[in-house]
Structures are given as C-alpha cells and as structure tokens.
C-alpha cells in the first residue's frame, strides 16, 4: 500500500454491553480477552489476530456475520456451544434449511456452517474448515 504507513490492521465491532461481551467472548467462547485502559475489549484470536470491541450507546447488531470460526469438527463445535447455553439455530428453515441444531450443510455450495449471536445480537459462525 502506498500513501500511508500501515503497521498491522485489525477489525472491530460494537456492542451495547461491554461487560456482557467480555463474559461471552472470554468465558462462554473461551477467547483470550483483555480490557484496555479505556475499557474497550481486545479479543485475541487463536490465529494471532485481534479484534477491537467497543461499547456504542445506540448499538444495532451487524446485519452480517462479524466473526467466523473455522473448526475441524462442526458437530462437536455446535454440541459444545449448545452445552454452554448458546443457541445455534437462529435462522428459520425458510432462510437457511438446517438440522435441529442449526447446522446448514453446504454440500457443493460451501462449508457446513452454524450461526449464533453474541449478547449484543451480532452474528457469529462456526464452519467446518
């Protein structure tokens, strides 16, 4: 890139309750979460990346999947999420036909995937990968 100096990059998204987000991402999902001096969250992803999470008073959930987690075994990942109290069947079968646990089979059109929401309503996914 030219025109400006880039020293790394990261993604970010908003939530309506930073404490609920810290609990969900840190405890429920088991990610490495730290709080910076301003009270914002830094999610450290297993692949070394990071995501900035910030509170927004008029937060509206993203209308797209904000984080995708590739997993070696989607069946085991979904079972684990459900055991942690996460709802993995957030779409109707009219939107995305899935099994009773919310796993959409990609077949020839992509990976098997299951979507779920964080406490702020943002959409996340686990996908066979």
N, C-alpha and C. Protein backbone atom coordinates (compact mmCIF):
# COMPACT_ATOMS: atom_id res chain seq x y z
N UNK A 1 0.83 -1.18 0.00
CA UNK A 1 0.00 0.00 0.00
C UNK A 1 0.87 1.24 0.00
N UNK A 2 0.48 2.22 -0.70
CA UNK A 2 1.22 3.47 -0.65
C UNK A 2 0.28 4.58 -0.19
N UNK A 3 0.87 5.66 0.26
CA UNK A 3 0.07 6.78 0.68
C UNK A 3 0.00 6.96 2.19
N UNK A 4 0.12 5.86 2.93
CA UNK A 4 0.17 5.97 4.38
C UNK A 4 0.89 4.76 4.92
N UNK A 5 1.47 4.90 6.08
CA UNK A 5 2.22 3.81 6.69
C UNK A 5 1.26 2.90 7.46
N UNK A 6 1.36 1.63 7.22
CA UNK A 6 0.50 0.66 7.89
C UNK A 6 1.36 -0.23 8.77
N UNK A 7 1.02 -0.31 10.02
CA UNK A 7 1.73 -1.17 10.96
C UNK A 7 0.72 -2.13 11.57
N UNK A 8 0.26 -3.07 10.76
CA UNK A 8 -0.75 -4.02 11.21
C UNK A 8 -2.14 -3.48 10.96
N UNK A 9 -3.10 -4.34 11.09
CA UNK A 9 -4.50 -3.98 10.91
C UNK A 9 -5.34 -4.85 11.83
N UNK A 10 -6.51 -4.39 12.16
CA UNK A 10 -7.42 -5.17 12.98
C UNK A 10 -8.84 -4.77 12.65
N UNK A 11 -9.75 -5.61 13.03
CA UNK A 11 -11.17 -5.37 12.81
C UNK A 11 -11.80 -4.96 14.13
N UNK A 12 -12.99 -4.43 14.07
CA UNK A 12 -13.70 -4.06 15.28
C UNK A 12 -15.20 -4.09 15.07
N UNK A 13 -15.91 -4.16 16.17
CA UNK A 13 -17.37 -4.10 16.11
C UNK A 13 -17.89 -3.58 17.45
N UNK A 14 -19.14 -3.12 17.43
CA UNK A 14 -19.72 -2.55 18.63
C UNK A 14 -20.64 -3.54 19.34
N UNK A 15 -20.84 -3.24 20.62
CA UNK A 15 -21.78 -3.99 21.46
C UNK A 15 -22.52 -2.97 22.33
N UNK A 16 -23.64 -3.40 22.91
CA UNK A 16 -24.38 -2.50 23.78
C UNK A 16 -24.02 -2.66 25.25
N UNK A 17 -23.33 -3.75 25.60
CA UNK A 17 -22.97 -4.02 27.00
C UNK A 17 -21.57 -4.66 27.01
N UNK A 18 -20.57 -3.86 27.34
CA UNK A 18 -19.18 -4.33 27.27
C UNK A 18 -18.91 -5.45 28.28
N UNK A 19 -19.56 -5.40 29.46
CA UNK A 19 -19.36 -6.46 30.46
C UNK A 19 -19.95 -7.79 29.99
N UNK A 20 -21.14 -7.74 29.37
CA UNK A 20 -21.74 -8.96 28.83
C UNK A 20 -20.89 -9.51 27.70
N UNK A 21 -20.31 -8.63 26.89
CA UNK A 21 -19.43 -9.07 25.80
C UNK A 21 -18.18 -9.73 26.36
N UNK A 22 -17.58 -9.13 27.39
CA UNK A 22 -16.38 -9.72 27.99
C UNK A 22 -16.68 -11.12 28.53
N UNK A 23 -17.81 -11.28 29.20
CA UNK A 23 -18.21 -12.58 29.73
C UNK A 23 -18.44 -13.59 28.60
N UNK A 24 -19.16 -13.18 27.57
CA UNK A 24 -19.49 -14.08 26.46
C UNK A 24 -18.23 -14.51 25.70
N UNK A 25 -17.43 -13.55 25.28
CA UNK A 25 -16.26 -13.88 24.47
C UNK A 25 -15.16 -14.57 25.29
N UNK A 26 -15.01 -14.16 26.54
CA UNK A 26 -13.98 -14.74 27.38
C UNK A 26 -14.38 -16.06 28.01
N UNK A 27 -15.52 -16.09 28.68
CA UNK A 27 -15.93 -17.29 29.41
C UNK A 27 -16.68 -18.27 28.52
N UNK A 28 -17.73 -17.80 27.85
CA UNK A 28 -18.55 -18.71 27.04
C UNK A 28 -17.77 -19.27 25.86
N UNK A 29 -17.10 -18.40 25.09
CA UNK A 29 -16.36 -18.87 23.92
C UNK A 29 -14.92 -19.24 24.23
N UNK A 30 -14.38 -18.81 25.35
CA UNK A 30 -13.03 -19.18 25.74
C UNK A 30 -11.92 -18.44 25.01
N UNK A 31 -12.23 -17.28 24.46
CA UNK A 31 -11.19 -16.49 23.79
C UNK A 31 -10.39 -15.71 24.82
N UNK A 32 -9.18 -15.34 24.44
CA UNK A 32 -8.34 -14.50 25.28
C UNK A 32 -8.84 -13.07 25.15
N UNK A 33 -9.39 -12.52 26.23
CA UNK A 33 -9.96 -11.18 26.21
C UNK A 33 -9.22 -10.31 27.21
N UNK A 34 -8.78 -9.14 26.76
CA UNK A 34 -8.19 -8.18 27.70
C UNK A 34 -8.96 -6.87 27.59
N UNK A 35 -8.87 -6.10 28.64
CA UNK A 35 -9.54 -4.80 28.70
C UNK A 35 -8.46 -3.73 28.66
N UNK A 36 -8.59 -2.77 27.74
CA UNK A 36 -7.59 -1.72 27.66
C UNK A 36 -7.92 -0.61 28.68
N UNK A 37 -7.04 0.37 28.86
CA UNK A 37 -7.27 1.41 29.87
C UNK A 37 -8.56 2.21 29.67
N UNK A 38 -9.08 2.24 28.45
CA UNK A 38 -10.32 2.97 28.17
C UNK A 38 -11.56 2.11 28.42
N UNK A 39 -11.36 0.82 28.74
CA UNK A 39 -12.49 -0.08 28.99
C UNK A 39 -12.95 -0.84 27.77
N UNK A 40 -12.24 -0.70 26.66
CA UNK A 40 -12.57 -1.44 25.45
C UNK A 40 -11.97 -2.83 25.52
N UNK A 41 -12.50 -3.76 24.73
CA UNK A 41 -12.00 -5.13 24.74
C UNK A 41 -11.08 -5.39 23.56
N UNK A 42 -10.10 -6.24 23.81
CA UNK A 42 -9.22 -6.74 22.76
C UNK A 42 -9.39 -8.25 22.77
N UNK A 43 -10.01 -8.79 21.71
CA UNK A 43 -10.15 -10.24 21.55
C UNK A 43 -8.93 -10.74 20.81
N UNK A 44 -8.19 -11.66 21.40
CA UNK A 44 -7.05 -12.27 20.74
C UNK A 44 -7.51 -13.58 20.14
N UNK A 45 -7.43 -13.69 18.85
CA UNK A 45 -7.90 -14.89 18.15
C UNK A 45 -6.81 -15.95 18.12
N UNK A 46 -7.20 -17.22 18.05
CA UNK A 46 -6.20 -18.30 18.06
C UNK A 46 -5.16 -18.19 16.95
N UNK A 47 -5.50 -17.56 15.82
CA UNK A 47 -4.55 -17.45 14.71
C UNK A 47 -3.61 -16.26 14.86
N UNK A 48 -3.72 -15.52 15.99
CA UNK A 48 -2.84 -14.40 16.24
C UNK A 48 -3.44 -13.04 15.95
N UNK A 49 -4.58 -12.99 15.30
CA UNK A 49 -5.23 -11.71 15.02
C UNK A 49 -5.91 -11.16 16.26
N UNK A 50 -6.35 -9.94 16.15
CA UNK A 50 -7.09 -9.33 17.25
C UNK A 50 -8.29 -8.58 16.71
N UNK A 51 -9.28 -8.43 17.57
CA UNK A 51 -10.50 -7.72 17.23
C UNK A 51 -10.79 -6.73 18.36
N UNK A 52 -11.10 -5.51 17.99
CA UNK A 52 -11.41 -4.43 18.92
C UNK A 52 -12.92 -4.41 19.14
N UNK A 53 -13.35 -4.47 20.40
CA UNK A 53 -14.78 -4.45 20.73
C UNK A 53 -15.04 -3.21 21.58
N UNK A 54 -15.98 -2.41 21.16
CA UNK A 54 -16.24 -1.15 21.84
C UNK A 54 -17.73 -0.97 22.11
N UNK A 55 -18.06 -0.29 23.21
CA UNK A 55 -19.47 -0.03 23.51
C UNK A 55 -19.99 1.11 22.64
N UNK A 56 -21.24 1.00 22.26
CA UNK A 56 -21.88 2.04 21.47
C UNK A 56 -23.29 2.23 22.04
N UNK A 57 -23.61 3.43 22.50
CA UNK A 57 -24.91 3.64 23.14
C UNK A 57 -26.11 3.27 22.28
N UNK A 58 -26.07 3.57 21.00
CA UNK A 58 -27.18 3.24 20.10
C UNK A 58 -26.84 2.05 19.21
N UNK A 59 -26.17 1.06 19.80
CA UNK A 59 -25.74 -0.13 19.06
C UNK A 59 -26.90 -0.78 18.33
N UNK A 60 -26.65 -1.14 17.10
CA UNK A 60 -27.55 -2.00 16.34
C UNK A 60 -26.73 -3.18 15.86
N UNK A 61 -27.23 -4.40 16.05
CA UNK A 61 -26.46 -5.58 15.63
C UNK A 61 -26.09 -5.50 14.15
N UNK A 62 -24.91 -5.98 13.84
CA UNK A 62 -24.47 -6.02 12.44
C UNK A 62 -25.42 -6.90 11.64
N UNK A 63 -25.64 -6.54 10.39
CA UNK A 63 -26.55 -7.31 9.52
C UNK A 63 -25.78 -8.38 8.74
N UNK A 64 -24.59 -8.70 9.19
CA UNK A 64 -23.74 -9.70 8.53
C UNK A 64 -22.97 -10.45 9.61
N UNK A 65 -22.32 -11.53 9.23
CA UNK A 65 -21.52 -12.31 10.17
C UNK A 65 -20.23 -11.56 10.47
N UNK A 66 -20.01 -11.23 11.75
CA UNK A 66 -18.85 -10.42 12.10
C UNK A 66 -17.60 -11.25 12.37
N UNK A 67 -17.77 -12.49 12.80
CA UNK A 67 -16.64 -13.38 13.06
C UNK A 67 -17.00 -14.79 12.62
N UNK A 68 -16.08 -15.43 11.92
CA UNK A 68 -16.23 -16.83 11.51
C UNK A 68 -15.12 -17.63 12.18
N UNK A 69 -15.50 -18.73 12.80
CA UNK A 69 -14.53 -19.59 13.46
C UNK A 69 -14.44 -20.93 12.73
N UNK A 70 -13.38 -21.16 11.95
CA UNK A 70 -13.20 -22.47 11.32
C UNK A 70 -12.93 -23.51 12.42
N UNK A 71 -13.60 -24.64 12.34
CA UNK A 71 -13.44 -25.72 13.31
C UNK A 71 -13.21 -27.03 12.57
N UNK A 72 -12.45 -27.95 13.16
CA UNK A 72 -12.19 -29.22 12.49
C UNK A 72 -13.41 -30.14 12.49
N UNK A 73 -14.31 -29.97 13.46
CA UNK A 73 -15.47 -30.85 13.60
C UNK A 73 -16.68 -30.00 13.98
N UNK A 74 -17.50 -29.66 13.00
CA UNK A 74 -18.63 -28.77 13.28
C UNK A 74 -19.64 -29.40 14.23
N UNK A 75 -19.81 -30.71 14.15
CA UNK A 75 -20.75 -31.39 15.05
C UNK A 75 -20.32 -31.18 16.50
N UNK A 76 -19.05 -31.41 16.78
CA UNK A 76 -18.53 -31.25 18.14
C UNK A 76 -18.57 -29.78 18.57
N UNK A 77 -18.25 -28.87 17.66
CA UNK A 77 -18.27 -27.44 17.99
C UNK A 77 -19.68 -26.98 18.34
N UNK A 78 -20.66 -27.38 17.57
CA UNK A 78 -22.04 -26.98 17.84
C UNK A 78 -22.52 -27.61 19.15
N UNK A 79 -22.21 -28.88 19.37
CA UNK A 79 -22.59 -29.52 20.64
C UNK A 79 -21.97 -28.77 21.82
N UNK A 80 -20.71 -28.35 21.68
CA UNK A 80 -20.04 -27.62 22.75
C UNK A 80 -20.71 -26.27 22.98
N UNK A 81 -21.02 -25.54 21.91
CA UNK A 81 -21.69 -24.25 22.05
C UNK A 81 -23.05 -24.41 22.75
N UNK A 82 -23.81 -25.40 22.32
CA UNK A 82 -25.13 -25.64 22.93
C UNK A 82 -24.97 -25.96 24.41
N UNK A 83 -23.95 -26.75 24.77
CA UNK A 83 -23.74 -27.09 26.18
C UNK A 83 -23.37 -25.86 27.01
N UNK A 84 -22.88 -24.81 26.34
CA UNK A 84 -22.52 -23.56 27.03
C UNK A 84 -23.68 -22.56 27.03
N UNK A 85 -24.84 -23.00 26.52
CA UNK A 85 -26.02 -22.15 26.52
C UNK A 85 -26.18 -21.27 25.30
N UNK A 86 -25.43 -21.56 24.24
CA UNK A 86 -25.50 -20.76 23.01
C UNK A 86 -26.52 -21.38 22.07
N UNK A 87 -27.43 -20.56 21.54
CA UNK A 87 -28.43 -21.01 20.57
C UNK A 87 -27.81 -20.96 19.18
N UNK A 88 -27.68 -22.11 18.54
CA UNK A 88 -27.08 -22.18 17.21
C UNK A 88 -28.11 -22.36 16.11
N UNK A 89 -29.37 -22.25 16.44
CA UNK A 89 -30.42 -22.28 15.41
C UNK A 89 -31.14 -20.94 15.45
N UNK A 90 -30.51 -19.94 14.84
CA UNK A 90 -31.04 -18.58 14.91
C UNK A 90 -31.83 -18.19 13.67
N UNK A 91 -31.75 -18.99 12.61
CA UNK A 91 -32.47 -18.69 11.38
C UNK A 91 -33.55 -19.74 11.15
N UNK A 92 -34.62 -19.32 10.51
CA UNK A 92 -35.68 -20.26 10.17
C UNK A 92 -35.22 -21.16 9.02
N UNK A 93 -35.88 -22.28 8.87
CA UNK A 93 -35.54 -23.18 7.77
C UNK A 93 -35.88 -22.57 6.42
N UNK A 94 -36.76 -21.58 6.41
CA UNK A 94 -37.06 -20.88 5.16
C UNK A 94 -35.86 -20.02 4.74
N UNK A 95 -35.17 -19.44 5.73
CA UNK A 95 -34.00 -18.62 5.43
C UNK A 95 -32.81 -19.51 5.06
N UNK A 96 -32.50 -20.45 5.95
CA UNK A 96 -31.37 -21.37 5.77
C UNK A 96 -31.79 -22.74 6.29
N UNK A 97 -32.15 -23.67 5.42
CA UNK A 97 -32.52 -25.01 5.90
C UNK A 97 -31.38 -25.64 6.68
N UNK A 98 -31.69 -26.10 7.89
CA UNK A 98 -30.67 -26.67 8.76
C UNK A 98 -31.23 -27.84 9.54
N UNK A 99 -30.34 -28.54 10.24
CA UNK A 99 -30.82 -29.61 11.11
C UNK A 99 -31.33 -28.99 12.42
N UNK A 100 -31.73 -29.82 13.37
CA UNK A 100 -32.32 -29.32 14.62
C UNK A 100 -31.36 -28.50 15.46
N UNK A 101 -30.05 -28.63 15.21
CA UNK A 101 -29.05 -27.86 15.96
C UNK A 101 -28.61 -26.60 15.22
N UNK A 102 -29.15 -26.38 14.02
CA UNK A 102 -28.82 -25.18 13.27
C UNK A 102 -27.69 -25.33 12.29
N UNK A 103 -27.22 -26.55 12.06
CA UNK A 103 -26.13 -26.75 11.11
C UNK A 103 -26.68 -26.77 9.68
N UNK A 104 -26.18 -25.86 8.87
CA UNK A 104 -26.55 -25.79 7.46
C UNK A 104 -25.48 -26.57 6.70
N UNK A 105 -25.91 -27.53 5.92
CA UNK A 105 -24.98 -28.35 5.14
C UNK A 105 -24.68 -27.65 3.82
N UNK A 106 -23.41 -27.36 3.61
CA UNK A 106 -23.01 -26.63 2.41
C UNK A 106 -22.99 -27.48 1.16
N UNK A 107 -22.69 -28.77 1.32
CA UNK A 107 -22.62 -29.64 0.15
C UNK A 107 -21.66 -29.10 -0.88
N UNK A 108 -22.14 -28.92 -2.09
CA UNK A 108 -21.31 -28.42 -3.18
C UNK A 108 -21.21 -26.89 -3.18
N UNK A 109 -21.93 -26.22 -2.27
CA UNK A 109 -22.02 -24.77 -2.30
C UNK A 109 -21.20 -24.07 -1.22
N UNK A 110 -20.49 -24.82 -0.41
CA UNK A 110 -19.68 -24.20 0.64
C UNK A 110 -19.58 -25.10 1.85
N UNK A 111 -18.96 -24.58 2.91
CA UNK A 111 -18.75 -25.41 4.10
C UNK A 111 -20.03 -25.59 4.91
N UNK A 112 -20.05 -26.61 5.75
CA UNK A 112 -21.11 -26.74 6.74
C UNK A 112 -20.91 -25.62 7.74
N UNK A 113 -22.01 -24.98 8.16
CA UNK A 113 -21.91 -23.78 8.99
C UNK A 113 -23.08 -23.70 9.96
N UNK A 114 -22.85 -23.10 11.11
CA UNK A 114 -23.91 -22.81 12.07
C UNK A 114 -23.68 -21.41 12.61
N UNK A 115 -24.73 -20.62 12.62
CA UNK A 115 -24.64 -19.25 13.10
C UNK A 115 -25.18 -19.14 14.51
N UNK A 116 -24.69 -18.15 15.24
CA UNK A 116 -25.19 -17.85 16.58
C UNK A 116 -24.96 -16.37 16.85
N UNK A 117 -25.54 -15.87 17.94
CA UNK A 117 -25.45 -14.44 18.25
C UNK A 117 -24.71 -14.20 19.57
N UNK A 118 -24.03 -13.07 19.64
CA UNK A 118 -23.45 -12.65 20.91
C UNK A 118 -24.54 -11.92 21.70
N UNK A 119 -24.29 -11.52 22.95
CA UNK A 119 -25.33 -10.86 23.74
C UNK A 119 -25.85 -9.55 23.13
N UNK A 120 -25.07 -8.92 22.24
CA UNK A 120 -25.49 -7.68 21.59
C UNK A 120 -26.26 -7.94 20.31
N UNK A 121 -26.45 -9.22 19.93
CA UNK A 121 -27.19 -9.55 18.73
C UNK A 121 -26.35 -9.68 17.48
N UNK A 122 -25.03 -9.46 17.57
CA UNK A 122 -24.15 -9.64 16.42
C UNK A 122 -24.07 -11.12 16.06
N UNK A 123 -23.98 -11.40 14.77
CA UNK A 123 -23.96 -12.78 14.27
C UNK A 123 -22.52 -13.28 14.15
N UNK A 124 -22.29 -14.49 14.65
CA UNK A 124 -21.01 -15.20 14.55
C UNK A 124 -21.29 -16.56 13.91
N UNK A 125 -20.25 -17.26 13.51
CA UNK A 125 -20.45 -18.58 12.91
C UNK A 125 -19.30 -19.50 13.21
N UNK A 126 -19.63 -20.78 13.31
CA UNK A 126 -18.62 -21.83 13.26
C UNK A 126 -18.82 -22.53 11.93
N UNK A 127 -17.71 -22.87 11.30
CA UNK A 127 -17.81 -23.55 10.00
C UNK A 127 -16.77 -24.64 9.90
N UNK A 128 -17.18 -25.73 9.26
CA UNK A 128 -16.27 -26.83 9.05
C UNK A 128 -15.12 -26.33 8.19
N UNK A 129 -13.89 -26.42 8.70
CA UNK A 129 -12.82 -25.89 7.89
C UNK A 129 -11.52 -26.43 8.33
